[in-house]
PDB file of N, CA and C in Angstrom:
ATOM      1  N   MET A   1       0.776  -0.979   0.000  1.00  0.00           N
ATOM      2  CA  MET A   1      -0.035  -0.078  -0.118  1.00  0.00           C
ATOM      3  C   MET A   1       1.069   1.300   0.068  1.00  0.00           C
ATOM      4  N   LEU A   2       0.585   2.399  -0.748  1.00  0.00           N
ATOM      5  CA  LEU A   2       1.394   3.384  -1.125  1.00  0.00           C
ATOM      6  C   LEU A   2       0.583   4.478   0.162  1.00  0.00           C
ATOM      7  N   SER A   3       1.840   4.938   0.547  1.00  0.00           N
ATOM      8  CA  SER A   3       1.468   6.112   1.934  1.00  0.00           C
ATOM      9  C   SER A   3       1.165   7.488   0.858  1.00  0.00           C
ATOM     10  N   SER A   4       0.606   8.415   1.613  1.00  0.00           N
ATOM     11  CA  SER A   4       0.265   9.820   0.834  1.00  0.00           C
ATOM     12  C   SER A   4       1.333  10.426   0.335  1.00  0.00           C
ATOM     13  N   ASP A   5       2.852  10.023   0.556  1.00  0.00           N
ATOM     14  CA  ASP A   5       4.036  10.825   0.198  1.00  0.00           C
ATOM     15  C   ASP A   5       4.085  10.261  -1.108  1.00  0.00           C
ATOM     16  N   ASP A   6       4.274   8.722  -1.038  1.00  0.00           N
ATOM     17  CA  ASP A   6       4.373   8.037  -2.363  1.00  0.00           C
ATOM     18  C   ASP A   6       3.207   8.214  -3.428  1.00  0.00           C
ATOM     19  N   GLN A   7       2.283   8.477  -2.971  1.00  0.00           N
ATOM     20  CA  GLN A   7       1.006   8.774  -4.102  1.00  0.00           C
ATOM     21  C   GLN A   7       1.566  10.063  -4.626  1.00  0.00           C
ATOM     22  N   ALA A   8       1.741  11.567  -3.623  1.00  0.00           N
ATOM     23  CA  ALA A   8       2.293  12.657  -4.171  1.00  0.00           C
ATOM     24  C   ALA A   8       3.228  12.520  -5.184  1.00  0.00           C
ATOM     25  N   LYS A   9       4.411  11.703  -5.318  1.00  0.00           N
ATOM     26  CA  LYS A   9       5.450  11.550  -6.210  1.00  0.00           C
ATOM     27  C   LYS A   9       5.107  10.951  -7.456  1.00  0.00           C
ATOM     28  N   LYS A  10       4.106  10.049  -7.497  1.00  0.00           N
ATOM     29  CA  LYS A  10       3.727   9.098  -8.418  1.00  0.00           C
ATOM     30  C   LYS A  10       3.327  10.364  -9.493  1.00  0.00           C
ATOM     31  N   PRO A  11       3.779  10.064 -10.588  1.00  0.00           N
ATOM     32  CA  PRO A  11       3.571  11.098 -11.974  1.00  0.00           C
ATOM     33  C   PRO A  11       2.069  10.814 -12.369  1.00  0.00           C
ATOM     34  N   ASP A  12       1.152  11.484 -12.668  1.00  0.00           N
ATOM     35  CA  ASP A  12      -0.122  11.777 -13.002  1.00  0.00           C
ATOM     36  C   ASP A  12       0.112  11.485 -14.250  1.00  0.00           C
ATOM     37  N   ARG A  13      -0.490  10.533 -15.048  1.00  0.00           N
ATOM     38  CA  ARG A  13      -0.321  10.303 -16.706  1.00  0.00           C
ATOM     39  C   ARG A  13      -1.351  11.530 -17.461  1.00  0.00           C
ATOM     40  N   LYS A  14      -2.497  11.401 -16.662  1.00  0.00           N
ATOM     41  CA  LYS A  14      -3.529  12.376 -17.323  1.00  0.00           C
ATOM     42  C   LYS A  14      -2.831  13.710 -17.546  1.00  0.00           C
ATOM     43  N   LYS A  15      -2.604  14.243 -16.372  1.00  0.00           N
ATOM     44  CA  LYS A  15      -1.981  15.335 -16.109  1.00  0.00           C
ATOM     45  C   LYS A  15      -0.822  15.729 -17.332  1.00  0.00           C
ATOM     46  N   GLY A  16       0.045  14.844 -17.442  1.00  0.00           N
ATOM     47  CA  GLY A  16       1.181  15.066 -18.162  1.00  0.00           C
ATOM     48  C   GLY A  16       0.813  14.950 -19.613  1.00  0.00           C
ATOM     49  N   ALA A  17      -0.528  14.290 -19.900  1.00  0.00           N
ATOM     50  CA  ALA A  17      -0.522  14.263 -21.366  1.00  0.00           C
ATOM     51  C   ALA A  17      -1.619  15.531 -21.638  1.00  0.00           C
ATOM     52  N   ALA A  18      -2.468  16.129 -20.608  1.00  0.00           N
ATOM     53  CA  ALA A  18      -2.861  17.065 -20.875  1.00  0.00           C
ATOM     54  C   ALA A  18      -1.819  18.206 -21.290  1.00  0.00           C
ATOM     55  N   VAL A  19      -1.006  18.355 -20.516  1.00  0.00           N
ATOM     56  CA  VAL A  19       0.296  19.524 -20.485  1.00  0.00           C
ATOM     57  C   VAL A  19       0.801  19.233 -22.046  1.00  0.00           C
ATOM     58  N   GLN A  20       1.251  18.058 -22.586  1.00  0.00           N
ATOM     59  CA  GLN A  20       1.824  17.549 -23.682  1.00  0.00           C
ATOM     60  C   GLN A  20       0.763  18.333 -25.013  1.00  0.00           C
ATOM     61  N   THR A  21      -0.525  18.220 -24.515  1.00  0.00           N
ATOM     62  CA  THR A  21      -1.618  18.626 -25.622  1.00  0.00           C
ATOM     63  C   THR A  21      -1.294  20.128 -25.516  1.00  0.00           C
ATOM     64  N   LYS A  22      -1.393  20.880 -24.409  1.00  0.00           N
ATOM     65  CA  LYS A  22      -1.327  22.236 -24.940  1.00  0.00           C
ATOM     66  C   LYS A  22       0.000  22.809 -25.439  1.00  0.00           C
ATOM     67  N   ASP A  23       1.152  22.168 -25.049  1.00  0.00           N
ATOM     68  CA  ASP A  23       2.266  22.490 -25.608  1.00  0.00           C
ATOM     69  C   ASP A  23       2.241  22.322 -26.787  1.00  0.00           C
ATOM     70  N   ARG A  24       1.461  21.206 -27.875  1.00  0.00           N
ATOM     71  CA  ARG A  24       1.382  20.733 -28.881  1.00  0.00           C
ATOM     72  C   ARG A  24       0.362  22.001 -29.535  1.00  0.00           C
ATOM     73  N   ASP A  25      -0.475  22.383 -28.953  1.00  0.00           N
ATOM     74  CA  ASP A  25      -1.393  23.285 -29.506  1.00  0.00           C
ATOM     75  C   ASP A  25      -0.849  24.684 -29.466  1.00  0.00           C
ATOM     76  N   MET A  26      -0.235  25.291 -28.636  1.00  0.00           N
ATOM     77  CA  MET A  26       0.613  26.472 -28.738  1.00  0.00           C
ATOM     78  C   MET A  26       1.758  26.242 -29.662  1.00  0.00           C
ATOM     79  N   GLY A  27       2.292  25.329 -29.509  1.00  0.00           N
ATOM     80  CA  GLY A  27       3.411  25.431 -30.584  1.00  0.00           C
ATOM     81  C   GLY A  27       2.506  25.388 -32.172  1.00  0.00           C
ATOM     82  N   THR A  28       1.709  24.892 -32.388  1.00  0.00           N
ATOM     83  CA  THR A  28       0.705  24.746 -33.572  1.00  0.00           C
ATOM     84  C   THR A  28       0.587  26.317 -33.623  1.00  0.00           C
ATOM     85  N   ALA A  29      -0.093  27.072 -32.920  1.00  0.00           N
ATOM     86  CA  ALA A  29      -0.528  28.347 -32.958  1.00  0.00           C
ATOM     87  C   ALA A  29       0.678  28.932 -33.088  1.00  0.00           C
ATOM     88  N   LEU A  30       1.745  29.102 -32.629  1.00  0.00           N
ATOM     89  CA  LEU A  30       2.903  30.111 -32.631  1.00  0.00           C
ATOM     90  C   LEU A  30       3.214  29.917 -34.097  1.00  0.00           C
ATOM     91  N   ARG A  31       3.518  28.544 -34.686  1.00  0.00           N
ATOM     92  CA  ARG A  31       4.092  28.466 -36.153  1.00  0.00           C
ATOM     93  C   ARG A  31       3.257  29.006 -36.856  1.00  0.00           C
ATOM     94  N   SER A  32       1.474  29.149 -36.728  1.00  0.00           N
ATOM     95  CA  SER A  32       0.907  29.297 -37.691  1.00  0.00           C
ATOM     96  C   SER A  32       0.780  30.826 -37.670  1.00  0.00           C
ATOM     97  N   ILE A  33       0.966  31.757 -36.687  1.00  0.00           N
ATOM     98  CA  ILE A  33       1.344  33.144 -36.475  1.00  0.00           C
ATOM     99  C   ILE A  33       2.381  33.709 -37.430  1.00  0.00           C
ATOM    100  N   TYR A  34       3.375  32.539 -36.899  1.00  0.00           N
ATOM    101  CA  TYR A  34       4.835  33.168 -37.528  1.00  0.00           C
ATOM    102  C   TYR A  34       4.684  33.073 -39.278  1.00  0.00           C
ATOM    103  N   GLN A  35       4.032  31.666 -39.690  1.00  0.00           N
ATOM    104  CA  GLN A  35       4.200  31.836 -41.218  1.00  0.00           C
ATOM    105  C   GLN A  35       3.360  32.604 -41.663  1.00  0.00           C
ATOM    106  N   LYS A  36       2.068  33.282 -41.052  1.00  0.00           N
ATOM    107  CA  LYS A  36       1.110  34.276 -41.530  1.00  0.00           C
ATOM    108  C   LYS A  36       2.001  35.648 -41.590  1.00  0.00           C
ATOM    109  N   THR A  37       3.086  36.099 -40.561  1.00  0.00           N
ATOM    110  CA  THR A  37       3.737  37.314 -40.614  1.00  0.00           C
ATOM    111  C   THR A  37       5.116  37.248 -41.424  1.00  0.00           C
ATOM    112  N   VAL A  38       5.433  36.142 -41.963  1.00  0.00           N
ATOM    113  CA  VAL A  38       6.377  35.952 -43.019  1.00  0.00           C
ATOM    114  C   VAL A  38       6.180  35.976 -44.100  1.00  0.00           C
ATOM    115  N   GLU A  39       4.651  35.487 -44.631  1.00  0.00           N
ATOM    116  CA  GLU A  39       3.830  35.641 -45.947  1.00  0.00           C
ATOM    117  C   GLU A  39       3.394  37.230 -45.956  1.00  0.00           C
ATOM    118  N   GLU A  40       3.459  38.012 -44.986  1.00  0.00           N
ATOM    119  CA  GLU A  40       2.420  39.216 -45.122  1.00  0.00           C
ATOM    120  C   GLU A  40       3.473  40.448 -45.817  1.00  0.00           C
ATOM    121  N   ALA A  41       2.623  40.938 -46.680  1.00  0.00           N
ATOM    122  CA  ALA A  41       3.462  42.010 -47.872  1.00  0.00           C
ATOM    123  C   ALA A  41       3.703  42.875 -47.008  1.00  0.00           C
ATOM    124  N   ILE A  42       5.298  43.520 -47.382  1.00  0.00           N
ATOM    125  CA  ILE A  42       5.712  44.612 -46.927  1.00  0.00           C
ATOM    126  C   ILE A  42       5.166  46.022 -47.169  1.00  0.00           C
ATOM    127  N   PRO A  43       4.527  47.054 -46.512  1.00  0.00           N
ATOM    128  CA  PRO A  43       3.979  48.278 -46.749  1.00  0.00           C
ATOM    129  C   PRO A  43       4.576  48.784 -47.946  1.00  0.00           C
ATOM    130  N   ASP A  44       4.035  49.409 -48.969  1.00  0.00           N
ATOM    131  CA  ASP A  44       5.076  50.574 -49.841  1.00  0.00           C
ATOM    132  C   ASP A  44       5.577  51.574 -48.854  1.00  0.00           C
ATOM    133  N   GLU A  45       4.833  51.944 -47.983  1.00  0.00           N
ATOM    134  CA  GLU A  45       5.566  53.004 -47.402  1.00  0.00           C
ATOM    135  C   GLU A  45       7.114  52.546 -46.588  1.00  0.00           C
ATOM    136  N   MET A  46       6.758  51.404 -46.235  1.00  0.00           N
ATOM    137  CA  MET A  46       8.177  51.002 -45.341  1.00  0.00           C
ATOM    138  C   MET A  46       9.118  50.610 -46.619  1.00  0.00           C
ATOM    139  N   LEU A  47       8.790  49.826 -47.668  1.00  0.00           N
ATOM    140  CA  LEU A  47      10.063  49.951 -48.908  1.00  0.00           C
ATOM    141  C   LEU A  47      10.568  51.071 -48.951  1.00  0.00           C
ATOM    142  N   SER A  48       9.790  51.990 -49.290  1.00  0.00           N
ATOM    143  CA  SER A  48      10.087  53.496 -49.376  1.00  0.00           C
ATOM    144  C   SER A  48      10.967  54.194 -48.442  1.00  0.00           C
ATOM    145  N   LEU A  49      10.796  53.917 -47.327  1.00  0.00           N
ATOM    146  CA  LEU A  49      11.836  54.187 -46.354  1.00  0.00           C
ATOM    147  C   LEU A  49      13.125  53.308 -46.106  1.00  0.00           C
ATOM    148  N   LEU A  50      13.036  52.138 -46.199  1.00  0.00           N
ATOM    149  CA  LEU A  50      14.034  51.409 -46.746  1.00  0.00           C
ATOM    150  C   LEU A  50      15.111  51.624 -47.766  1.00  0.00           C
ATOM    151  N   GLY A  51      14.194  52.032 -48.903  1.00  0.00           N
ATOM    152  CA  GLY A  51      14.889  52.503 -50.092  1.00  0.00           C
ATOM    153  C   GLY A  51      15.684  53.730 -49.968  1.00  0.00           C
ATOM    154  N   LYS A  52      15.290  54.591 -49.079  1.00  0.00           N
ATOM    155  CA  LYS A  52      16.094  55.754 -48.703  1.00  0.00           C
ATOM    156  C   LYS A  52      17.525  55.667 -48.157  1.00  0.00           C
ATOM    157  N   LEU A  53      17.265  54.618 -47.315  1.00  0.00           N
ATOM    158  CA  LEU A  53      18.591  54.180 -46.497  1.00  0.00           C
ATOM    159  C   LEU A  53      20.019  53.711 -47.342  1.00  0.00           C
ATOM    160  N   ASP A  54      19.717  53.091 -48.871  1.00  0.00           N
ATOM    161  CA  ASP A  54      20.678  52.939 -49.500  1.00  0.00           C
ATOM    162  C   ASP A  54      21.285  53.885 -49.785  1.00  0.00           C
TER     163      ASP A  54
END
């Protein structure tokens, strides 16, 4: 029989799976936002300003 201390040390598989799911979902969301940002067009005003730096 496990004491309360032993039970507290025992990993909770459901909790671990939930954390992995949240981490995976967060990673997916961040990659999606990053990809949309990379694909976003650069405004003409910004290109004009960058052109003046040359």
